[in-house]
Structure formats: C-alpha cells, structure tokens
Amino acid sequence: SIGNGTASRETEFFIKKIAFDKPIQVFVVSEAGASVY
C-alpha cells in the first residue's frame, strides 16, 4: 500500500520494478488525514 502524497508515483514505479518471488498486489491509497491521525 503506497500513500498518494509526495513521491507517490515515483515510489509506485520503483516498487513495480522489483522482481518478487510471488505475485504482489500494489495499491495507491489516499493518505488524506494520515498526518492528523
């Protein structure tokens, strides 16, 4: 799960380059309010 704030797309591209040993789902989620929490 990747937060959709600063550097989100870059991080998503980086994660999708990794060759995992098994299928891993990658989601981009809203991080609105995470800093408040």
PDB file of all heavy atoms in Angstrom:
ATOM      1  N   SER A   1       0.854  -1.189   0.000  1.00  0.00           N
ATOM      2  CA  SER A   1       0.000   0.000   0.000  1.00  0.00           C
ATOM      3  C   SER A   1       0.892   1.242   0.000  1.00  0.00           C
ATOM      4  O   SER A   1       1.723   1.414   0.881  1.00  0.00           O
ATOM      5  CB  SER A   1      -0.900  -0.004   1.242  1.00  0.00           C
ATOM      6  OG  SER A   1      -1.620   1.191   1.359  1.00  0.00           O
ATOM      7  N   ILE A   2       0.691   2.119  -0.989  1.00  0.00           N
ATOM      8  CA  ILE A   2       1.522   3.327  -1.128  1.00  0.00           C
ATOM      9  C   ILE A   2       0.644   4.571  -0.973  1.00  0.00           C
ATOM     10  O   ILE A   2      -0.391   4.691  -1.635  1.00  0.00           O
ATOM     11  CB  ILE A   2       2.216   3.370  -2.510  1.00  0.00           C
ATOM     12  CG1 ILE A   2       3.066   2.106  -2.716  1.00  0.00           C
ATOM     13  CG2 ILE A   2       3.077   4.621  -2.655  1.00  0.00           C
ATOM     14  CD1 ILE A   2       3.562   1.935  -4.145  1.00  0.00           C
ATOM     15  N   GLY A   3       1.051   5.482  -0.119  1.00  0.00           N
ATOM     16  CA  GLY A   3       0.324   6.735   0.053  1.00  0.00           C
ATOM     17  C   GLY A   3       0.408   7.579  -1.206  1.00  0.00           C
ATOM     18  O   GLY A   3       1.404   7.531  -1.934  1.00  0.00           O
ATOM     19  N   ASN A   4      -0.625   8.376  -1.467  1.00  0.00           N
ATOM     20  CA  ASN A   4      -0.683   9.113  -2.738  1.00  0.00           C
ATOM     21  C   ASN A   4      -0.142  10.540  -2.647  1.00  0.00           C
ATOM     22  O   ASN A   4      -0.458  11.386  -3.477  1.00  0.00           O
ATOM     23  CB  ASN A   4      -2.125   9.154  -3.270  1.00  0.00           C
ATOM     24  CG  ASN A   4      -3.038  10.024  -2.408  1.00  0.00           C
ATOM     25  OD1 ASN A   4      -2.724  10.330  -1.254  1.00  0.00           O
ATOM     26  ND2 ASN A   4      -4.171  10.424  -2.954  1.00  0.00           N
ATOM     27  N   GLY A   5       0.714  10.808  -1.653  1.00  0.00           N
ATOM     28  CA  GLY A   5       1.277  12.155  -1.497  1.00  0.00           C
ATOM     29  C   GLY A   5       2.547  12.347  -2.308  1.00  0.00           C
ATOM     30  O   GLY A   5       2.734  11.748  -3.377  1.00  0.00           O
ATOM     31  N   THR A   6       3.445  13.176  -1.787  1.00  0.00           N
ATOM     32  CA  THR A   6       4.714  13.477  -2.453  1.00  0.00           C
ATOM     33  C   THR A   6       5.490  12.196  -2.760  1.00  0.00           C
ATOM     34  O   THR A   6       5.584  11.302  -1.916  1.00  0.00           O
ATOM     35  CB  THR A   6       5.574  14.379  -1.543  1.00  0.00           C
ATOM     36  OG1 THR A   6       4.828  15.554  -1.239  1.00  0.00           O
ATOM     37  CG2 THR A   6       6.867  14.772  -2.223  1.00  0.00           C
ATOM     38  N   ALA A   7       6.007  12.098  -3.964  1.00  0.00           N
ATOM     39  CA  ALA A   7       6.823  10.962  -4.440  1.00  0.00           C
ATOM     40  C   ALA A   7       6.024   9.677  -4.588  1.00  0.00           C
ATOM     41  O   ALA A   7       6.597   8.589  -4.702  1.00  0.00           O
ATOM     42  CB  ALA A   7       8.014  10.719  -3.509  1.00  0.00           C
ATOM     43  N   SER A   8       4.708   9.778  -4.648  1.00  0.00           N
ATOM     44  CA  SER A   8       3.875   8.574  -4.754  1.00  0.00           C
ATOM     45  C   SER A   8       4.106   7.822  -6.062  1.00  0.00           C
ATOM     46  O   SER A   8       4.373   6.615  -6.056  1.00  0.00           O
ATOM     47  CB  SER A   8       2.397   8.952  -4.635  1.00  0.00           C
ATOM     48  OG  SER A   8       1.578   7.830  -4.868  1.00  0.00           O
ATOM     49  N   ARG A   9       4.021   8.546  -7.204  1.00  0.00           N
ATOM     50  CA  ARG A   9       4.175   7.860  -8.490  1.00  0.00           C
ATOM     51  C   ARG A   9       5.573   7.285  -8.637  1.00  0.00           C
ATOM     52  O   ARG A   9       5.756   6.166  -9.133  1.00  0.00           O
ATOM     53  CB  ARG A   9       3.897   8.828  -9.660  1.00  0.00           C
ATOM     54  CG  ARG A   9       2.461   9.271  -9.790  1.00  0.00           C
ATOM     55  CD  ARG A   9       1.472   8.117  -9.866  1.00  0.00           C
ATOM     56  NE  ARG A   9       1.663   7.220 -10.975  1.00  0.00           N
ATOM     57  CZ  ARG A   9       1.251   7.446 -12.222  1.00  0.00           C
ATOM     58  NH1 ARG A   9       0.645   8.556 -12.518  1.00  0.00           N
ATOM     59  NH2 ARG A   9       1.439   6.545 -13.164  1.00  0.00           N
ATOM     60  N   GLU A  10       6.575   8.041  -8.208  1.00  0.00           N
ATOM     61  CA  GLU A  10       7.957   7.572  -8.299  1.00  0.00           C
ATOM     62  C   GLU A  10       8.149   6.294  -7.473  1.00  0.00           C
ATOM     63  O   GLU A  10       8.837   5.353  -7.900  1.00  0.00           O
ATOM     64  CB  GLU A  10       8.920   8.663  -7.814  1.00  0.00           C
ATOM     65  CG  GLU A  10       9.019   9.871  -8.727  1.00  0.00           C
ATOM     66  CD  GLU A  10       7.898  10.878  -8.528  1.00  0.00           C
ATOM     67  OE1 GLU A  10       6.993  10.631  -7.699  1.00  0.00           O
ATOM     68  OE2 GLU A  10       7.906  11.920  -9.201  1.00  0.00           O
ATOM     69  N   THR A  11       7.503   6.279  -6.307  1.00  0.00           N
ATOM     70  CA  THR A  11       7.610   5.099  -5.440  1.00  0.00           C
ATOM     71  C   THR A  11       6.878   3.910  -6.048  1.00  0.00           C
ATOM     72  O   THR A  11       7.354   2.765  -5.988  1.00  0.00           O
ATOM     73  CB  THR A  11       7.045   5.414  -4.034  1.00  0.00           C
ATOM     74  OG1 THR A  11       7.729   6.549  -3.505  1.00  0.00           O
ATOM     75  CG2 THR A  11       7.215   4.234  -3.092  1.00  0.00           C
ATOM     76  N   GLU A  12       5.722   4.180  -6.654  1.00  0.00           N
ATOM     77  CA  GLU A  12       4.968   3.109  -7.314  1.00  0.00           C
ATOM     78  C   GLU A  12       5.795   2.496  -8.445  1.00  0.00           C
ATOM     79  O   GLU A  12       5.885   1.259  -8.572  1.00  0.00           O
ATOM     80  CB  GLU A  12       3.645   3.661  -7.857  1.00  0.00           C
ATOM     81  CG  GLU A  12       2.780   2.597  -8.526  1.00  0.00           C
ATOM     82  CD  GLU A  12       1.571   3.192  -9.236  1.00  0.00           C
ATOM     83  OE1 GLU A  12       1.449   4.431  -9.301  1.00  0.00           O
ATOM     84  OE2 GLU A  12       0.760   2.398  -9.759  1.00  0.00           O
ATOM     85  N   PHE A  13       6.415   3.343  -9.274  1.00  0.00           N
ATOM     86  CA  PHE A  13       7.250   2.837 -10.377  1.00  0.00           C
ATOM     87  C   PHE A  13       8.427   2.018  -9.840  1.00  0.00           C
ATOM     88  O   PHE A  13       8.786   0.971 -10.386  1.00  0.00           O
ATOM     89  CB  PHE A  13       7.773   3.996 -11.230  1.00  0.00           C
ATOM     90  CG  PHE A  13       6.691   4.745 -11.958  1.00  0.00           C
ATOM     91  CD1 PHE A  13       6.760   6.122 -12.100  1.00  0.00           C
ATOM     92  CD2 PHE A  13       5.600   4.081 -12.491  1.00  0.00           C
ATOM     93  CE1 PHE A  13       5.770   6.818 -12.772  1.00  0.00           C
ATOM     94  CE2 PHE A  13       4.602   4.762 -13.163  1.00  0.00           C
ATOM     95  CZ  PHE A  13       4.682   6.142 -13.300  1.00  0.00           C
ATOM     96  N   PHE A  14       9.024   2.520  -8.754  1.00  0.00           N
ATOM     97  CA  PHE A  14      10.155   1.832  -8.131  1.00  0.00           C
ATOM     98  C   PHE A  14       9.737   0.440  -7.648  1.00  0.00           C
ATOM     99  O   PHE A  14      10.426  -0.566  -7.909  1.00  0.00           O
ATOM    100  CB  PHE A  14      10.686   2.672  -6.965  1.00  0.00           C
ATOM    101  CG  PHE A  14      11.469   1.906  -5.953  1.00  0.00           C
ATOM    102  CD1 PHE A  14      12.750   1.446  -6.228  1.00  0.00           C
ATOM    103  CD2 PHE A  14      10.926   1.610  -4.695  1.00  0.00           C
ATOM    104  CE1 PHE A  14      13.466   0.723  -5.294  1.00  0.00           C
ATOM    105  CE2 PHE A  14      11.631   0.893  -3.767  1.00  0.00           C
ATOM    106  CZ  PHE A  14      12.912   0.443  -4.054  1.00  0.00           C
ATOM    107  N   ILE A  15       8.593   0.358  -6.960  1.00  0.00           N
ATOM    108  CA  ILE A  15       8.113  -0.930  -6.422  1.00  0.00           C
ATOM    109  C   ILE A  15       7.836  -1.915  -7.557  1.00  0.00           C
ATOM    110  O   ILE A  15       8.149  -3.114  -7.466  1.00  0.00           O
ATOM    111  CB  ILE A  15       6.850  -0.720  -5.551  1.00  0.00           C
ATOM    112  CG1 ILE A  15       7.196   0.009  -4.248  1.00  0.00           C
ATOM    113  CG2 ILE A  15       6.142  -2.043  -5.261  1.00  0.00           C
ATOM    114  CD1 ILE A  15       8.082  -0.789  -3.301  1.00  0.00           C
ATOM    115  N   LYS A  16       7.264  -1.420  -8.645  1.00  0.00           N
ATOM    116  CA  LYS A  16       6.880  -2.313  -9.738  1.00  0.00           C
ATOM    117  C   LYS A  16       8.084  -2.828 -10.535  1.00  0.00           C
ATOM    118  O   LYS A  16       7.948  -3.745 -11.351  1.00  0.00           O
ATOM    119  CB  LYS A  16       5.881  -1.608 -10.654  1.00  0.00           C
ATOM    120  CG  LYS A  16       4.501  -1.481 -10.011  1.00  0.00           C
ATOM    121  CD  LYS A  16       3.475  -0.832 -10.926  1.00  0.00           C
ATOM    122  CE  LYS A  16       2.105  -0.828 -10.267  1.00  0.00           C
ATOM    123  NZ  LYS A  16       1.082  -0.178 -11.120  1.00  0.00           N
ATOM    124  N   LYS A  17       9.251  -2.259 -10.280  1.00  0.00           N
ATOM    125  CA  LYS A  17      10.474  -2.761 -10.925  1.00  0.00           C
ATOM    126  C   LYS A  17      11.059  -3.961 -10.180  1.00  0.00           C
ATOM    127  O   LYS A  17      11.905  -4.677 -10.710  1.00  0.00           O
ATOM    128  CB  LYS A  17      11.535  -1.652 -10.958  1.00  0.00           C
ATOM    129  CG  LYS A  17      11.243  -0.526 -11.939  1.00  0.00           C
ATOM    130  CD  LYS A  17      12.343   0.535 -11.843  1.00  0.00           C
ATOM    131  CE  LYS A  17      12.052   1.733 -12.726  1.00  0.00           C
ATOM    132  NZ  LYS A  17      13.073   2.805 -12.521  1.00  0.00           N
ATOM    133  N   ILE A  18      10.617  -4.153  -8.936  1.00  0.00           N
ATOM    134  CA  ILE A  18      11.203  -5.218  -8.102  1.00  0.00           C
ATOM    135  C   ILE A  18      10.669  -6.587  -8.538  1.00  0.00           C
ATOM    136  O   ILE A  18       9.458  -6.775  -8.709  1.00  0.00           O
ATOM    137  CB  ILE A  18      10.877  -4.978  -6.609  1.00  0.00           C
ATOM    138  CG1 ILE A  18      11.414  -3.600  -6.168  1.00  0.00           C
ATOM    139  CG2 ILE A  18      11.467  -6.084  -5.737  1.00  0.00           C
ATOM    140  CD1 ILE A  18      11.012  -3.207  -4.752  1.00  0.00           C
ATOM    141  N   ALA A  19      11.555  -7.529  -8.694  1.00  0.00           N
ATOM    142  CA  ALA A  19      11.173  -8.891  -9.073  1.00  0.00           C
ATOM    143  C   ALA A  19      10.914  -9.691  -7.800  1.00  0.00           C
ATOM    144  O   ALA A  19      11.838 -10.211  -7.164  1.00  0.00           O
ATOM    145  CB  ALA A  19      12.279  -9.545  -9.893  1.00  0.00           C
ATOM    146  N   PHE A  20       9.665  -9.784  -7.403  1.00  0.00           N
ATOM    147  CA  PHE A  20       9.305 -10.532  -6.191  1.00  0.00           C
ATOM    148  C   PHE A  20       9.217 -12.023  -6.502  1.00  0.00           C
ATOM    149  O   PHE A  20       9.027 -12.428  -7.664  1.00  0.00           O
ATOM    150  CB  PHE A  20       7.967 -10.034  -5.633  1.00  0.00           C
ATOM    151  CG  PHE A  20       8.009  -8.620  -5.115  1.00  0.00           C
ATOM    152  CD1 PHE A  20       7.370  -7.585  -5.796  1.00  0.00           C
ATOM    153  CD2 PHE A  20       8.690  -8.321  -3.947  1.00  0.00           C
ATOM    154  CE1 PHE A  20       7.401  -6.288  -5.323  1.00  0.00           C
ATOM    155  CE2 PHE A  20       8.727  -7.018  -3.461  1.00  0.00           C
ATOM    156  CZ  PHE A  20       8.090  -5.998  -4.151  1.00  0.00           C
ATOM    157  N   ASP A  21       9.325 -12.834  -5.465  1.00  0.00           N
ATOM    158  CA  ASP A  21       9.274 -14.291  -5.637  1.00  0.00           C
ATOM    159  C   ASP A  21       7.849 -14.794  -5.827  1.00  0.00           C
ATOM    160  O   ASP A  21       7.637 -15.971  -6.153  1.00  0.00           O
ATOM    161  CB  ASP A  21       9.878 -14.990  -4.404  1.00  0.00           C
ATOM    162  CG  ASP A  21      11.356 -14.664  -4.246  1.00  0.00           C
ATOM    163  OD1 ASP A  21      11.982 -14.312  -5.269  1.00  0.00           O
ATOM    164  OD2 ASP A  21      11.865 -14.732  -3.105  1.00  0.00           O
ATOM    165  N   LYS A  22       6.867 -13.924  -5.596  1.00  0.00           N
ATOM    166  CA  LYS A  22       5.456 -14.300  -5.743  1.00  0.00           C
ATOM    167  C   LYS A  22       4.690 -13.057  -6.192  1.00  0.00           C
ATOM    168  O   LYS A  22       5.176 -11.934  -6.058  1.00  0.00           O
ATOM    169  CB  LYS A  22       4.905 -14.812  -4.408  1.00  0.00           C
ATOM    170  CG  LYS A  22       5.011 -13.786  -3.282  1.00  0.00           C
ATOM    171  CD  LYS A  22       4.514 -14.340  -1.962  1.00  0.00           C
ATOM    172  CE  LYS A  22       4.657 -13.287  -0.854  1.00  0.00           C
ATOM    173  NZ  LYS A  22       4.187 -13.773   0.442  1.00  0.00           N
ATOM    174  N   PRO A  23       3.471 -13.225  -6.723  1.00  0.00           N
ATOM    175  CA  PRO A  23       2.688 -12.056  -7.152  1.00  0.00           C
ATOM    176  C   PRO A  23       2.330 -11.168  -5.949  1.00  0.00           C
ATOM    177  O   PRO A  23       1.860 -11.668  -4.921  1.00  0.00           O
ATOM    178  CB  PRO A  23       1.419 -12.677  -7.758  1.00  0.00           C
ATOM    179  CG  PRO A  23       1.783 -14.094  -8.057  1.00  0.00           C
ATOM    180  CD  PRO A  23       2.788 -14.501  -7.023  1.00  0.00           C
ATOM    181  N   ILE A  24       2.589  -9.893  -6.085  1.00  0.00           N
ATOM    182  CA  ILE A  24       2.274  -8.929  -5.026  1.00  0.00           C
ATOM    183  C   ILE A  24       1.387  -7.824  -5.618  1.00  0.00           C
ATOM    184  O   ILE A  24       1.770  -7.182  -6.600  1.00  0.00           O
ATOM    185  CB  ILE A  24       3.545  -8.283  -4.440  1.00  0.00           C
ATOM    186  CG1 ILE A  24       4.457  -9.342  -3.800  1.00  0.00           C
ATOM    187  CG2 ILE A  24       3.198  -7.186  -3.436  1.00  0.00           C
ATOM    188  CD1 ILE A  24       3.927  -9.931  -2.509  1.00  0.00           C
ATOM    189  N   GLN A  25       0.213  -7.638  -5.028  1.00  0.00           N
ATOM    190  CA  GLN A  25      -0.664  -6.557  -5.477  1.00  0.00           C
ATOM    191  C   GLN A  25      -0.143  -5.222  -4.935  1.00  0.00           C
ATOM    192  O   GLN A  25       0.290  -5.145  -3.778  1.00  0.00           O
ATOM    193  CB  GLN A  25      -2.091  -6.772  -4.975  1.00  0.00           C
ATOM    194  CG  GLN A  25      -2.850  -7.880  -5.701  1.00  0.00           C
ATOM    195  CD  GLN A  25      -4.280  -7.975  -5.207  1.00  0.00           C
ATOM    196  OE1 GLN A  25      -4.533  -8.165  -4.016  1.00  0.00           O
ATOM    197  NE2 GLN A  25      -5.230  -7.835  -6.111  1.00  0.00           N
ATOM    198  N   VAL A  26      -0.196  -4.193  -5.777  1.00  0.00           N
ATOM    199  CA  VAL A  26       0.251  -2.864  -5.361  1.00  0.00           C
ATOM    200  C   VAL A  26      -0.914  -1.879  -5.482  1.00  0.00           C
ATOM    201  O   VAL A  26      -1.512  -1.744  -6.554  1.00  0.00           O
ATOM    202  CB  VAL A  26       1.435  -2.377  -6.224  1.00  0.00           C
ATOM    203  CG1 VAL A  26       1.867  -0.987  -5.777  1.00  0.00           C
ATOM    204  CG2 VAL A  26       2.597  -3.362  -6.145  1.00  0.00           C
ATOM    205  N   PHE A  27      -1.254  -1.212  -4.380  1.00  0.00           N
ATOM    206  CA  PHE A  27      -2.338  -0.228  -4.344  1.00  0.00           C
ATOM    207  C   PHE A  27      -1.779   1.143  -3.995  1.00  0.00           C
ATOM    208  O   PHE A  27      -0.887   1.255  -3.151  1.00  0.00           O
ATOM    209  CB  PHE A  27      -3.373  -0.593  -3.269  1.00  0.00           C
ATOM    210  CG  PHE A  27      -4.192  -1.816  -3.572  1.00  0.00           C
ATOM    211  CD1 PHE A  27      -3.692  -3.086  -3.307  1.00  0.00           C
ATOM    212  CD2 PHE A  27      -5.461  -1.700  -4.110  1.00  0.00           C
ATOM    213  CE1 PHE A  27      -4.444  -4.219  -3.563  1.00  0.00           C
ATOM    214  CE2 PHE A  27      -6.221  -2.832  -4.381  1.00  0.00           C
ATOM    215  CZ  PHE A  27      -5.719  -4.096  -4.106  1.00  0.00           C
ATOM    216  N   VAL A  28      -2.328   2.173  -4.621  1.00  0.00           N
ATOM    217  CA  VAL A  28      -2.049   3.556  -4.204  1.00  0.00           C
ATOM    218  C   VAL A  28      -3.298   4.033  -3.470  1.00  0.00           C
ATOM    219  O   VAL A  28      -4.399   4.000  -4.031  1.00  0.00           O
ATOM    220  CB  VAL A  28      -1.750   4.466  -5.409  1.00  0.00           C
ATOM    221  CG1 VAL A  28      -1.574   5.907  -4.949  1.00  0.00           C
ATOM    222  CG2 VAL A  28      -0.504   3.987  -6.137  1.00  0.00           C
ATOM    223  N   VAL A  29      -3.146   4.439  -2.218  1.00  0.00           N
ATOM    224  CA  VAL A  29      -4.309   4.833  -1.409  1.00  0.00           C
ATOM    225  C   VAL A  29      -4.196   6.289  -0.968  1.00  0.00           C
ATOM    226  O   VAL A  29      -3.096   6.834  -0.858  1.00  0.00           O
ATOM    227  CB  VAL A  29      -4.468   3.930  -0.162  1.00  0.00           C
ATOM    228  CG1 VAL A  29      -4.595   2.479  -0.552  1.00  0.00           C
ATOM    229  CG2 VAL A  29      -3.297   4.112   0.797  1.00  0.00           C
ATOM    230  N   SER A  30      -5.333   6.879  -0.719  1.00  0.00           N
ATOM    231  CA  SER A  30      -5.351   8.264  -0.245  1.00  0.00           C
ATOM    232  C   SER A  30      -4.757   8.334   1.152  1.00  0.00           C
ATOM    233  O   SER A  30      -5.100   7.543   2.028  1.00  0.00           O
ATOM    234  CB  SER A  30      -6.787   8.792  -0.205  1.00  0.00           C
ATOM    235  OG  SER A  30      -6.842  10.031   0.474  1.00  0.00           O
ATOM    236  N   GLU A  31      -3.837   9.301   1.336  1.00  0.00           N
ATOM    237  CA  GLU A  31      -3.266   9.462   2.668  1.00  0.00           C
ATOM    238  C   GLU A  31      -3.844  10.697   3.373  1.00  0.00           C
ATOM    239  O   GLU A  31      -3.296  11.163   4.368  1.00  0.00           O
ATOM    240  CB  GLU A  31      -1.743   9.560   2.589  1.00  0.00           C
ATOM    241  CG  GLU A  31      -1.230  10.697   1.745  1.00  0.00           C
ATOM    242  CD  GLU A  31       0.296  10.719   1.682  1.00  0.00           C
ATOM    243  OE1 GLU A  31       0.908   9.654   1.407  1.00  0.00           O
ATOM    244  OE2 GLU A  31       0.874  11.787   1.919  1.00  0.00           O
ATOM    245  N   ALA A  32      -4.970  11.226   2.836  1.00  0.00           N
ATOM    246  CA  ALA A  32      -5.612  12.387   3.457  1.00  0.00           C
ATOM    247  C   ALA A  32      -5.948  12.086   4.908  1.00  0.00           C
ATOM    248  O   ALA A  32      -6.585  11.075   5.218  1.00  0.00           O
ATOM    249  CB  ALA A  32      -6.880  12.764   2.690  1.00  0.00           C
ATOM    250  N   GLY A  33      -5.483  12.943   5.803  1.00  0.00           N
ATOM    251  CA  GLY A  33      -5.783  12.768   7.223  1.00  0.00           C
ATOM    252  C   GLY A  33      -4.802  11.892   7.969  1.00  0.00           C
ATOM    253  O   GLY A  33      -4.851  11.808   9.197  1.00  0.00           O
ATOM    254  N   ALA A  34      -3.876  11.245   7.247  1.00  0.00           N
ATOM    255  CA  ALA A  34      -2.924  10.346   7.919  1.00  0.00           C
ATOM    256  C   ALA A  34      -2.022  11.119   8.874  1.00  0.00           C
ATOM    257  O   ALA A  34      -1.701  10.655   9.973  1.00  0.00           O
ATOM    258  CB  ALA A  34      -2.084   9.594   6.884  1.00  0.00           C
ATOM    259  N   SER A  35      -1.617  12.319   8.456  1.00  0.00           N
ATOM    260  CA  SER A  35      -0.751  13.131   9.323  1.00  0.00           C
ATOM    261  C   SER A  35      -1.510  13.620  10.551  1.00  0.00           C
ATOM    262  O   SER A  35      -0.938  13.754  11.634  1.00  0.00           O
ATOM    263  CB  SER A  35      -0.195  14.321   8.542  1.00  0.00           C
ATOM    264  OG  SER A  35      -1.236  15.140   8.060  1.00  0.00           O
ATOM    265  N   VAL A  36      -2.816  13.887  10.377  1.00  0.00           N
ATOM    266  CA  VAL A  36      -3.650  14.299  11.516  1.00  0.00           C
ATOM    267  C   VAL A  36      -3.752  13.152  12.513  1.00  0.00           C
ATOM    268  O   VAL A  36      -3.605  13.331  13.722  1.00  0.00           O
ATOM    269  CB  VAL A  36      -5.057  14.731  11.043  1.00  0.00           C
ATOM    270  CG1 VAL A  36      -5.970  15.020  12.229  1.00  0.00           C
ATOM    271  CG2 VAL A  36      -4.952  15.956  10.142  1.00  0.00           C
ATOM    272  N   TYR A  37      -4.008  11.942  11.983  1.00  0.00           N
ATOM    273  CA  TYR A  37      -4.080  10.768  12.852  1.00  0.00           C
ATOM    274  C   TYR A  37      -2.750  10.539  13.567  1.00  0.00           C
ATOM    275  O   TYR A  37      -2.716  10.289  14.780  1.00  0.00           O
ATOM    276  CB  TYR A  37      -4.439   9.523  12.032  1.00  0.00           C
ATOM    277  CG  TYR A  37      -4.084   8.232  12.736  1.00  0.00           C
ATOM    278  CD1 TYR A  37      -4.870   7.753  13.779  1.00  0.00           C
ATOM    279  CD2 TYR A  37      -2.927   7.525  12.402  1.00  0.00           C
ATOM    280  CE1 TYR A  37      -4.518   6.587  14.453  1.00  0.00           C
ATOM    281  CE2 TYR A  37      -2.572   6.364  13.062  1.00  0.00           C
ATOM    282  CZ  TYR A  37      -3.373   5.902  14.095  1.00  0.00           C
ATOM    283  OH  TYR A  37      -3.015   4.765  14.772  1.00  0.00           O
TER     284      TYR A  37
END
